[in-house]
Structure formats: structure tokens, C-alpha cells
């Protein structure tokens, strides 16, 4: 792990946003943008698009008229197409079996919260929801709503598609629920894939965006007796998600599912 990944999701997100801006400036012919991110990179990408978001009507001079007329907003003047995360801990890594290698033992999970900052510094605090910079709520809670000039939820809504790939098992780092943005009672029953083309995909669903009367406003959630995880779920459910559940239980590389899901080497997926 590179030491820069320990600086915090916000710091990494600002870096990514700046890199994207630099690339856009180098290539004025670009009109569309998509993001594909793995693991904590999915959270970094969510932060970055919050910084890069522009409301409807604000676009680059060379943007097509269709984008200028769009009511979805855009990402630094570009048409936002796909936002894809792969095994990303959207609900954080705190308790509730969100980190499988902690075995779901409450005492171990609580101990991990106390020491994680010694190992993974600010990034660890963000993942385990123990940060309270300047007395503010945890960063991941702020990231399920628009927060000042960081338009996190508006940026997600700007994309035509949002897709969350997740491992149903054998991912020892990121649990199924946190990567698929589901509550404990929402996990589906899956069966072995019958597809020869995508043999490891065991379940797919389209989770539609919840309306305001279905989903409480994030700003009012502190008034409810809901857990922090429920607040994150409510916020992220305000946009639609395509959810793709993957299982490598029949693969020789199943113990490395967290990395294998990236499909870097076709041989590893046999």
C-alpha cells in the first residue's frame, strides 16, 4: 500500500479531482466522462465528483448543446455517463461484519475502531467512521448529501448509470452489504450462474431511486433513532444503482476475490 493512500479520502479525492481537471484541459475534444474505481477508490471517486460537479447550465464552451440543455448537471463541463465501483465500502468498514476478516466478533470490531488510525491513519478513520474533524459528522455521512461547495449527491445524480459490483463472499476486506449498498435484510438469495460468458455473476438487480416520501432527508436524520449505517443507506438510495453480485466460490483464486474481481488477468477467472 502506497503511503499516499493513508492521507484520507478527502485528500485523495482532491488530488483525483485536480488530475481529472488537468486531463480535461489537455484534451479539449473530450465531451463525456466515466469513472471506474476499485475498493476505497470508489469512495475517493465519489468525493472527487462532488468537487467536479457543475449544476445545469454550467458547461464548457465546446460542450454539445444537449449537455447545456440538460437538467442533470455535469462533471467539470463533461457529460457524466457511467459511475462504476468495484468492491467499494460505501457504508464504511465499521462493525456489522463489514470487514469479513474480523469475523463479525463485536469485541474485535470495536477494538479495530480504536486502533485503526495507528495503521491506516486518516483513511482508516474515514472508513471506520471515527473522524470528527472540527466537530463535523463523519466524512462518509457528509458524502451522502450535498455539503457546501461539495455536491456529492448531485454529482451521483448527474451520471446516466451508477453500478456497484460486489463479492458475495471470499472478499476478506470489503463485505457484501457495504459494497452493494444494502441493509442486512436486503441481501438477495443467489444461485450458481448459468452464463458461460459471465460465469461468476450470480445476481443482478436495478435498485430504483427512492422518492423523498420513501427516504427521509439526510439533514433530518439525526432526529431519528437510526444508526449511522442507516443514514448512509438512506442517502445513497436517493439515486438508482445497478447492482451486480459476483461469486468466485468455484474459482481457484477465490481467496483473493477482493483483487480478482477487477478482472486484470483472464486466467485468474477460470
C-alpha atoms as a PDB file:
ATOM      1  CA  UNK A   1       0.000   0.000   0.000  1.00  0.00           C
ATOM      2  CA  UNK A   2       1.375   3.381  -1.005  1.00  0.00           C
ATOM      3  CA  UNK A   3       1.645   5.848   1.865  1.00  0.00           C
ATOM      4  CA  UNK A   4      -0.375   8.432  -0.088  1.00  0.00           C
ATOM      5  CA  UNK A   5      -3.435   6.204   0.297  1.00  0.00           C
ATOM      6  CA  UNK A   6      -3.292   6.832   4.047  1.00  0.00           C
ATOM      7  CA  UNK A   7      -3.828  10.605   3.762  1.00  0.00           C
ATOM      8  CA  UNK A   8      -7.609  10.385   3.859  1.00  0.00           C
ATOM      9  CA  UNK A   9     -10.464  10.030   1.394  1.00  0.00           C
ATOM     10  CA  UNK A  10     -10.870  13.794   1.165  1.00  0.00           C
ATOM     11  CA  UNK A  11      -7.207  14.470   0.401  1.00  0.00           C
ATOM     12  CA  UNK A  12      -7.101  11.688  -2.196  1.00  0.00           C
ATOM     13  CA  UNK A  13     -10.376  12.949  -3.660  1.00  0.00           C
ATOM     14  CA  UNK A  14      -8.973  16.455  -4.074  1.00  0.00           C
ATOM     15  CA  UNK A  15      -5.905  15.004  -5.805  1.00  0.00           C
ATOM     16  CA  UNK A  16      -8.053  12.967  -8.165  1.00  0.00           C
ATOM     17  CA  UNK A  17     -10.249  15.953  -8.973  1.00  0.00           C
ATOM     18  CA  UNK A  18      -7.176  18.019  -9.840  1.00  0.00           C
ATOM     19  CA  UNK A  19      -5.797  15.245 -12.053  1.00  0.00           C
ATOM     20  CA  UNK A  20      -9.113  15.000 -13.893  1.00  0.00           C
ATOM     21  CA  UNK A  21      -9.147  18.765 -14.467  1.00  0.00           C
ATOM     22  CA  UNK A  22      -5.602  18.635 -15.831  1.00  0.00           C
ATOM     23  CA  UNK A  23      -6.516  15.834 -18.247  1.00  0.00           C
ATOM     24  CA  UNK A  24      -9.645  17.663 -19.409  1.00  0.00           C
ATOM     25  CA  UNK A  25      -7.591  20.791 -20.085  1.00  0.00           C
ATOM     26  CA  UNK A  26      -5.109  18.744 -22.139  1.00  0.00           C
ATOM     27  CA  UNK A  27      -7.890  17.213 -24.252  1.00  0.00           C
ATOM     28  CA  UNK A  28     -10.443  19.894 -25.172  1.00  0.00           C
ATOM     29  CA  UNK A  29     -12.105  17.481 -27.612  1.00  0.00           C
ATOM     30  CA  UNK A  30     -13.449  15.335 -24.763  1.00  0.00           C
ATOM     31  CA  UNK A  31     -17.189  15.726 -24.137  1.00  0.00           C
ATOM     32  CA  UNK A  32     -18.015  12.732 -21.917  1.00  0.00           C
ATOM     33  CA  UNK A  33     -16.598  11.194 -18.760  1.00  0.00           C
ATOM     34  CA  UNK A  34     -16.971   7.940 -16.804  1.00  0.00           C
ATOM     35  CA  UNK A  35     -15.363   6.633 -13.621  1.00  0.00           C
ATOM     36  CA  UNK A  36     -14.395   3.064 -12.715  1.00  0.00           C
ATOM     37  CA  UNK A  37     -12.943   2.628  -9.232  1.00  0.00           C
ATOM     38  CA  UNK A  38     -11.938  -0.319  -7.036  1.00  0.00           C
ATOM     39  CA  UNK A  39     -12.143  -0.674  -3.252  1.00  0.00           C
ATOM     40  CA  UNK A  40     -11.514   2.584  -1.350  1.00  0.00           C
ATOM     41  CA  UNK A  41     -11.006   4.170  -4.763  1.00  0.00           C
ATOM     42  CA  UNK A  42     -14.785   4.141  -5.121  1.00  0.00           C
ATOM     43  CA  UNK A  43     -15.085   6.495  -2.153  1.00  0.00           C
ATOM     44  CA  UNK A  44     -12.266   8.659  -3.474  1.00  0.00           C
ATOM     45  CA  UNK A  45     -14.060   8.906  -6.825  1.00  0.00           C
ATOM     46  CA  UNK A  46     -17.316   9.853  -5.082  1.00  0.00           C
ATOM     47  CA  UNK A  47     -15.506  12.659  -3.278  1.00  0.00           C
ATOM     48  CA  UNK A  48     -13.813  13.823  -6.489  1.00  0.00           C
ATOM     49  CA  UNK A  49     -17.033  14.082  -8.490  1.00  0.00           C
ATOM     50  CA  UNK A  50     -18.526  16.102  -5.651  1.00  0.00           C
ATOM     51  CA  UNK A  51     -15.751  18.630  -6.200  1.00  0.00           C
ATOM     52  CA  UNK A  52     -16.020  18.478 -10.012  1.00  0.00           C
ATOM     53  CA  UNK A  53     -19.799  18.787 -10.231  1.00  0.00           C
ATOM     54  CA  UNK A  54     -21.342  21.734 -12.047  1.00  0.00           C
ATOM     55  CA  UNK A  55     -25.075  22.466 -11.885  1.00  0.00           C
ATOM     56  CA  UNK A  56     -27.253  22.562 -15.033  1.00  0.00           C
ATOM     57  CA  UNK A  57     -26.337  25.413 -17.336  1.00  0.00           C
ATOM     58  CA  UNK A  58     -22.662  25.490 -16.392  1.00  0.00           C
ATOM     59  CA  UNK A  59     -20.601  23.681 -19.036  1.00  0.00           C
ATOM     60  CA  UNK A  60     -17.513  24.108 -21.173  1.00  0.00           C
ATOM     61  CA  UNK A  61     -17.636  26.242 -24.319  1.00  0.00           C
ATOM     62  CA  UNK A  62     -17.132  23.180 -26.536  1.00  0.00           C
ATOM     63  CA  UNK A  63     -19.860  21.164 -24.784  1.00  0.00           C
ATOM     64  CA  UNK A  64     -22.681  19.943 -27.047  1.00  0.00           C
ATOM     65  CA  UNK A  65     -25.987  21.802 -26.876  1.00  0.00           C
ATOM     66  CA  UNK A  66     -27.687  18.699 -25.457  1.00  0.00           C
ATOM     67  CA  UNK A  67     -25.457  18.915 -22.384  1.00  0.00           C
ATOM     68  CA  UNK A  68     -26.060  22.636 -21.989  1.00  0.00           C
ATOM     69  CA  UNK A  69     -29.795  21.962 -22.005  1.00  0.00           C
ATOM     70  CA  UNK A  70     -29.550  19.004 -19.612  1.00  0.00           C
ATOM     71  CA  UNK A  71     -31.091  19.266 -16.147  1.00  0.00           C
ATOM     72  CA  UNK A  72     -28.737  16.636 -14.702  1.00  0.00           C
ATOM     73  CA  UNK A  73     -25.721  18.830 -14.211  1.00  0.00           C
ATOM     74  CA  UNK A  74     -22.281  17.741 -15.385  1.00  0.00           C
ATOM     75  CA  UNK A  75     -18.784  16.847 -14.257  1.00  0.00           C
ATOM     76  CA  UNK A  76     -16.486  19.824 -14.911  1.00  0.00           C
ATOM     77  CA  UNK A  77     -18.370  20.573 -18.116  1.00  0.00           C
ATOM     78  CA  UNK A  78     -18.479  16.988 -19.376  1.00  0.00           C
ATOM     79  CA  UNK A  79     -21.462  14.707 -19.858  1.00  0.00           C
ATOM     80  CA  UNK A  80     -21.426  12.199 -16.969  1.00  0.00           C
ATOM     81  CA  UNK A  81     -22.061   8.700 -18.338  1.00  0.00           C
ATOM     82  CA  UNK A  82     -21.025   5.778 -16.091  1.00  0.00           C
ATOM     83  CA  UNK A  83     -20.013   5.724 -12.433  1.00  0.00           C
ATOM     84  CA  UNK A  84     -18.849   2.216 -11.550  1.00  0.00           C
ATOM     85  CA  UNK A  85     -17.467   0.952  -8.263  1.00  0.00           C
ATOM     86  CA  UNK A  86     -15.952  -2.464  -7.663  1.00  0.00           C
ATOM     87  CA  UNK A  87     -15.851  -3.904  -4.133  1.00  0.00           C
ATOM     88  CA  UNK A  88     -16.031  -0.432  -2.577  1.00  0.00           C
ATOM     89  CA  UNK A  89     -17.038   0.053   1.095  1.00  0.00           C
ATOM     90  CA  UNK A  90     -19.824   2.602   0.545  1.00  0.00           C
ATOM     91  CA  UNK A  91     -21.206   2.089   4.058  1.00  0.00           C
ATOM     92  CA  UNK A  92     -17.784   2.172   5.631  1.00  0.00           C
ATOM     93  CA  UNK A  93     -15.982  -0.634   7.448  1.00  0.00           C
ATOM     94  CA  UNK A  94     -17.323  -0.180  10.951  1.00  0.00           C
ATOM     95  CA  UNK A  95     -18.884  -3.217  12.642  1.00  0.00           C
ATOM     96  CA  UNK A  96     -21.770  -5.357  11.367  1.00  0.00           C
ATOM     97  CA  UNK A  97     -19.399  -7.749   9.571  1.00  0.00           C
ATOM     98  CA  UNK A  98     -18.417  -5.028   7.098  1.00  0.00           C
ATOM     99  CA  UNK A  99     -14.806  -6.290   7.267  1.00  0.00           C
ATOM    100  CA  UNK A 100     -15.109 -10.088   6.960  1.00  0.00           C
ATOM    101  CA  UNK A 101     -11.656 -10.925   8.303  1.00  0.00           C
ATOM    102  CA  UNK A 102     -12.748  -9.531  11.694  1.00  0.00           C
ATOM    103  CA  UNK A 103     -15.186 -12.491  11.789  1.00  0.00           C
ATOM    104  CA  UNK A 104     -18.121 -10.370  12.926  1.00  0.00           C
ATOM    105  CA  UNK A 105     -16.948 -10.554  16.542  1.00  0.00           C
ATOM    106  CA  UNK A 106     -18.225  -7.397  18.234  1.00  0.00           C
ATOM    107  CA  UNK A 107     -15.264  -7.075  20.605  1.00  0.00           C
ATOM    108  CA  UNK A 108     -12.760  -7.346  17.753  1.00  0.00           C
ATOM    109  CA  UNK A 109     -14.697  -4.874  15.607  1.00  0.00           C
ATOM    110  CA  UNK A 110     -14.815  -2.338  18.447  1.00  0.00           C
ATOM    111  CA  UNK A 111     -11.102  -2.795  19.118  1.00  0.00           C
ATOM    112  CA  UNK A 112     -10.371  -2.242  15.415  1.00  0.00           C
ATOM    113  CA  UNK A 113     -12.171   1.110  15.589  1.00  0.00           C
ATOM    114  CA  UNK A 114      -9.862   2.174  18.423  1.00  0.00           C
ATOM    115  CA  UNK A 115      -6.581   1.296  16.720  1.00  0.00           C
ATOM    116  CA  UNK A 116      -7.300   1.656  13.005  1.00  0.00           C
ATOM    117  CA  UNK A 117      -5.864   5.191  12.857  1.00  0.00           C
ATOM    118  CA  UNK A 118      -2.491   3.883  14.009  1.00  0.00           C
ATOM    119  CA  UNK A 119      -2.349   1.610  10.960  1.00  0.00           C
ATOM    120  CA  UNK A 120      -4.252   3.406   8.201  1.00  0.00           C
ATOM    121  CA  UNK A 121      -4.129   6.963   9.572  1.00  0.00           C
ATOM    122  CA  UNK A 122      -6.837   9.375   8.318  1.00  0.00           C
ATOM    123  CA  UNK A 123      -8.102   6.917   5.711  1.00  0.00           C
ATOM    124  CA  UNK A 124      -8.702   4.387   8.470  1.00  0.00           C
ATOM    125  CA  UNK A 125     -10.658   6.950  10.478  1.00  0.00           C
ATOM    126  CA  UNK A 126     -12.824   7.734   7.468  1.00  0.00           C
ATOM    127  CA  UNK A 127     -13.505   4.067   6.718  1.00  0.00           C
ATOM    128  CA  UNK A 128     -14.372   3.221  10.324  1.00  0.00           C
ATOM    129  CA  UNK A 129     -16.449   6.398  10.727  1.00  0.00           C
ATOM    130  CA  UNK A 130     -14.445   7.634  13.716  1.00  0.00           C
ATOM    131  CA  UNK A 131     -13.432  11.007  12.256  1.00  0.00           C
ATOM    132  CA  UNK A 132     -14.980  14.219  13.576  1.00  0.00           C
ATOM    133  CA  UNK A 133     -12.891  16.987  12.036  1.00  0.00           C
ATOM    134  CA  UNK A 134     -13.903  20.339  13.543  1.00  0.00           C
ATOM    135  CA  UNK A 135     -16.807  18.627  15.270  1.00  0.00           C
ATOM    136  CA  UNK A 136     -18.413  17.643  11.958  1.00  0.00           C
ATOM    137  CA  UNK A 137     -20.130  14.289  11.316  1.00  0.00           C
ATOM    138  CA  UNK A 138     -18.000  11.506   9.763  1.00  0.00           C
ATOM    139  CA  UNK A 139     -16.928  12.242   6.188  1.00  0.00           C
ATOM    140  CA  UNK A 140     -18.866   9.298   4.742  1.00  0.00           C
ATOM    141  CA  UNK A 141     -22.042  10.708   6.281  1.00  0.00           C
ATOM    142  CA  UNK A 142     -21.371  14.100   4.718  1.00  0.00           C
ATOM    143  CA  UNK A 143     -20.822  12.368   1.376  1.00  0.00           C
ATOM    144  CA  UNK A 144     -24.421  11.143   1.105  1.00  0.00           C
ATOM    145  CA  UNK A 145     -25.679  14.698   0.695  1.00  0.00           C
ATOM    146  CA  UNK A 146     -24.555  17.989  -0.819  1.00  0.00           C
ATOM    147  CA  UNK A 147     -22.208  19.742   1.574  1.00  0.00           C
ATOM    148  CA  UNK A 148     -21.418  23.371   0.778  1.00  0.00           C
ATOM    149  CA  UNK A 149     -19.478  23.543  -2.476  1.00  0.00           C
ATOM    150  CA  UNK A 150     -19.047  19.761  -2.459  1.00  0.00           C
ATOM    151  CA  UNK A 151     -22.119  18.465  -4.306  1.00  0.00           C
ATOM    152  CA  UNK A 152     -21.779  14.763  -3.552  1.00  0.00           C
ATOM    153  CA  UNK A 153     -25.322  13.531  -4.165  1.00  0.00           C
ATOM    154  CA  UNK A 154     -25.974  15.916  -7.073  1.00  0.00           C
ATOM    155  CA  UNK A 155     -22.815  14.605  -8.726  1.00  0.00           C
ATOM    156  CA  UNK A 156     -24.004  11.000  -8.435  1.00  0.00           C
ATOM    157  CA  UNK A 157     -27.391  12.001  -9.857  1.00  0.00           C
ATOM    158  CA  UNK A 158     -25.641  13.594 -12.836  1.00  0.00           C
ATOM    159  CA  UNK A 159     -24.468  10.209 -14.154  1.00  0.00           C
ATOM    160  CA  UNK A 160     -26.622   8.263 -16.576  1.00  0.00           C
ATOM    161  CA  UNK A 161     -25.706   4.996 -14.810  1.00  0.00           C
ATOM    162  CA  UNK A 162     -24.356   4.043 -11.409  1.00  0.00           C
ATOM    163  CA  UNK A 163     -23.161   0.459 -10.993  1.00  0.00           C
ATOM    164  CA  UNK A 164     -21.932  -1.301  -7.852  1.00  0.00           C
ATOM    165  CA  UNK A 165     -20.073  -4.608  -8.285  1.00  0.00           C
ATOM    166  CA  UNK A 166     -19.651  -6.643  -5.115  1.00  0.00           C
ATOM    167  CA  UNK A 167     -18.373 -10.011  -3.930  1.00  0.00           C
ATOM    168  CA  UNK A 168     -20.986 -12.148  -2.185  1.00  0.00           C
ATOM    169  CA  UNK A 169     -18.210 -13.994  -0.371  1.00  0.00           C
ATOM    170  CA  UNK A 170     -14.475 -14.674  -0.082  1.00  0.00           C
ATOM    171  CA  UNK A 171     -13.720 -10.950  -0.010  1.00  0.00           C
ATOM    172  CA  UNK A 172     -11.939 -10.688   3.329  1.00  0.00           C
ATOM    173  CA  UNK A 173     -11.554  -6.902   3.177  1.00  0.00           C
ATOM    174  CA  UNK A 174     -14.886  -5.477   1.995  1.00  0.00           C
ATOM    175  CA  UNK A 175     -18.153  -7.165   2.937  1.00  0.00           C
ATOM    176  CA  UNK A 176     -21.078  -7.838   0.633  1.00  0.00           C
ATOM    177  CA  UNK A 177     -23.504  -5.354   2.234  1.00  0.00           C
ATOM    178  CA  UNK A 178     -21.215  -2.337   2.270  1.00  0.00           C
ATOM    179  CA  UNK A 179     -20.088  -2.857  -1.325  1.00  0.00           C
ATOM    180  CA  UNK A 180     -23.609  -3.487  -2.654  1.00  0.00           C
ATOM    181  CA  UNK A 181     -25.272  -0.703  -0.625  1.00  0.00           C
ATOM    182  CA  UNK A 182     -27.790  -2.941   1.122  1.00  0.00           C
ATOM    183  CA  UNK A 183     -29.132  -3.435   4.602  1.00  0.00           C
ATOM    184  CA  UNK A 184     -28.840  -6.826   6.291  1.00  0.00           C
ATOM    185  CA  UNK A 185     -32.407  -7.784   5.332  1.00  0.00           C
ATOM    186  CA  UNK A 186     -31.913  -6.734   1.710  1.00  0.00           C
ATOM    187  CA  UNK A 187     -29.263  -9.261   0.712  1.00  0.00           C
ATOM    188  CA  UNK A 188     -30.712 -11.482  -2.032  1.00  0.00           C
ATOM    189  CA  UNK A 189     -30.545 -15.234  -2.348  1.00  0.00           C
ATOM    190  CA  UNK A 190     -28.300 -16.208  -5.200  1.00  0.00           C
ATOM    191  CA  UNK A 191     -27.651 -19.352  -7.213  1.00  0.00           C
ATOM    192  CA  UNK A 192     -24.795 -20.507  -9.418  1.00  0.00           C
ATOM    193  CA  UNK A 193     -24.569 -18.646 -12.695  1.00  0.00           C
ATOM    194  CA  UNK A 194     -25.691 -20.443 -15.845  1.00  0.00           C
ATOM    195  CA  UNK A 195     -23.911 -17.977 -18.114  1.00  0.00           C
ATOM    196  CA  UNK A 196     -20.862 -19.224 -19.989  1.00  0.00           C
ATOM    197  CA  UNK A 197     -19.838 -15.657 -20.788  1.00  0.00           C
ATOM    198  CA  UNK A 198     -20.077 -14.319 -17.211  1.00  0.00           C
ATOM    199  CA  UNK A 199     -19.904 -17.438 -15.012  1.00  0.00           C
ATOM    200  CA  UNK A 200     -19.141 -15.521 -11.818  1.00  0.00           C
ATOM    201  CA  UNK A 201     -22.104 -13.134 -11.905  1.00  0.00           C
ATOM    202  CA  UNK A 202     -24.718 -14.705  -9.620  1.00  0.00           C
ATOM    203  CA  UNK A 203     -27.242 -11.895  -9.167  1.00  0.00           C
ATOM    204  CA  UNK A 204     -28.206  -8.604 -10.813  1.00  0.00           C
ATOM    205  CA  UNK A 205     -30.791  -6.016  -9.912  1.00  0.00           C
ATOM    206  CA  UNK A 206     -31.755  -2.424 -10.579  1.00  0.00           C
ATOM    207  CA  UNK A 207     -32.347  -0.543  -7.361  1.00  0.00           C
ATOM    208  CA  UNK A 208     -34.524   2.433  -8.248  1.00  0.00           C
ATOM    209  CA  UNK A 209     -34.061   5.808  -6.620  1.00  0.00           C
ATOM    210  CA  UNK A 210     -36.244   6.303  -3.580  1.00  0.00           C
ATOM    211  CA  UNK A 211     -38.553   9.299  -3.547  1.00  0.00           C
ATOM    212  CA  UNK A 212     -38.495  11.921  -0.829  1.00  0.00           C
ATOM    213  CA  UNK A 213     -41.511  10.388   0.907  1.00  0.00           C
ATOM    214  CA  UNK A 214     -39.781   6.993   0.870  1.00  0.00           C
ATOM    215  CA  UNK A 215     -36.446   8.297   2.076  1.00  0.00           C
ATOM    216  CA  UNK A 216     -36.043  10.749   4.954  1.00  0.00           C
ATOM    217  CA  UNK A 217     -33.993  13.855   4.255  1.00  0.00           C
ATOM    218  CA  UNK A 218     -30.411  13.276   5.343  1.00  0.00           C
ATOM    219  CA  UNK A 219     -30.311  16.605   7.152  1.00  0.00           C
ATOM    220  CA  UNK A 220     -33.133  15.441   9.436  1.00  0.00           C
ATOM    221  CA  UNK A 221     -31.731  12.006  10.168  1.00  0.00           C
ATOM    222  CA  UNK A 222     -30.154  12.981  13.462  1.00  0.00           C
ATOM    223  CA  UNK A 223     -33.695  13.417  14.759  1.00  0.00           C
ATOM    224  CA  UNK A 224     -34.339   9.719  14.162  1.00  0.00           C
ATOM    225  CA  UNK A 225     -33.045   6.889  16.263  1.00  0.00           C
ATOM    226  CA  UNK A 226     -31.335   5.325  13.277  1.00  0.00           C
ATOM    227  CA  UNK A 227     -27.795   4.062  13.128  1.00  0.00           C
ATOM    228  CA  UNK A 228     -25.063   5.752  11.148  1.00  0.00           C
ATOM    229  CA  UNK A 229     -25.166   2.884   8.665  1.00  0.00           C
ATOM    230  CA  UNK A 230     -28.871   3.507   8.083  1.00  0.00           C
ATOM    231  CA  UNK A 231     -28.151   7.176   7.424  1.00  0.00           C
ATOM    232  CA  UNK A 232     -25.604   6.230   4.786  1.00  0.00           C
ATOM    233  CA  UNK A 233     -28.055   3.790   3.217  1.00  0.00           C
ATOM    234  CA  UNK A 234     -30.857   6.349   3.103  1.00  0.00           C
ATOM    235  CA  UNK A 235     -28.627   8.921   1.480  1.00  0.00           C
ATOM    236  CA  UNK A 236     -27.228   6.622  -1.194  1.00  0.00           C
ATOM    237  CA  UNK A 237     -30.658   5.196  -2.013  1.00  0.00           C
ATOM    238  CA  UNK A 238     -31.762   8.585  -3.310  1.00  0.00           C
ATOM    239  CA  UNK A 239     -30.140   7.628  -6.612  1.00  0.00           C
ATOM    240  CA  UNK A 240     -30.679   4.474  -8.642  1.00  0.00           C
ATOM    241  CA  UNK A 241     -27.997   1.769  -8.670  1.00  0.00           C
ATOM    242  CA  UNK A 242     -27.405  -1.231 -10.874  1.00  0.00           C
ATOM    243  CA  UNK A 243     -26.109  -3.913  -8.526  1.00  0.00           C
ATOM    244  CA  UNK A 244     -24.023  -6.802  -9.812  1.00  0.00           C
ATOM    245  CA  UNK A 245     -23.185  -9.550  -7.318  1.00  0.00           C
ATOM    246  CA  UNK A 246     -20.208 -11.761  -8.067  1.00  0.00           C
ATOM    247  CA  UNK A 247     -19.008 -15.056  -6.592  1.00  0.00           C
ATOM    248  CA  UNK A 248     -15.687 -16.806  -7.136  1.00  0.00           C
ATOM    249  CA  UNK A 249     -16.601 -19.798  -4.954  1.00  0.00           C
ATOM    250  CA  UNK A 250     -15.771 -22.187  -7.807  1.00  0.00           C
ATOM    251  CA  UNK A 251     -12.523 -20.432  -8.705  1.00  0.00           C
ATOM    252  CA  UNK A 252      -9.049 -21.451  -7.592  1.00  0.00           C
ATOM    253  CA  UNK A 253      -8.401 -17.776  -6.867  1.00  0.00           C
ATOM    254  CA  UNK A 254     -11.450 -17.301  -4.610  1.00  0.00           C
ATOM    255  CA  UNK A 255      -9.314 -16.386  -1.573  1.00  0.00           C
ATOM    256  CA  UNK A 256      -8.161 -13.293  -3.497  1.00  0.00           C
ATOM    257  CA  UNK A 257     -11.674 -12.261  -4.519  1.00  0.00           C
ATOM    258  CA  UNK A 258     -11.153  -8.631  -3.486  1.00  0.00           C
ATOM    259  CA  UNK A 259      -8.464  -8.245  -6.158  1.00  0.00           C
ATOM    260  CA  UNK A 260      -9.669 -10.835  -8.661  1.00  0.00           C
ATOM    261  CA  UNK A 261     -12.978  -9.002  -9.180  1.00  0.00           C
ATOM    262  CA  UNK A 262     -11.023  -6.339 -11.081  1.00  0.00           C
ATOM    263  CA  UNK A 263     -10.502  -8.827 -13.954  1.00  0.00           C
ATOM    264  CA  UNK A 264      -6.900  -7.897 -14.593  1.00  0.00           C
ATOM    265  CA  UNK A 265      -5.946 -11.404 -15.732  1.00  0.00           C
ATOM    266  CA  UNK A 266      -8.448 -13.673 -17.557  1.00  0.00           C
ATOM    267  CA  UNK A 267      -6.551 -16.750 -16.361  1.00  0.00           C
ATOM    268  CA  UNK A 268      -7.380 -15.863 -12.749  1.00  0.00           C
ATOM    269  CA  UNK A 269     -11.105 -16.126 -13.536  1.00  0.00           C
ATOM    270  CA  UNK A 270     -11.066 -19.651 -14.881  1.00  0.00           C
END
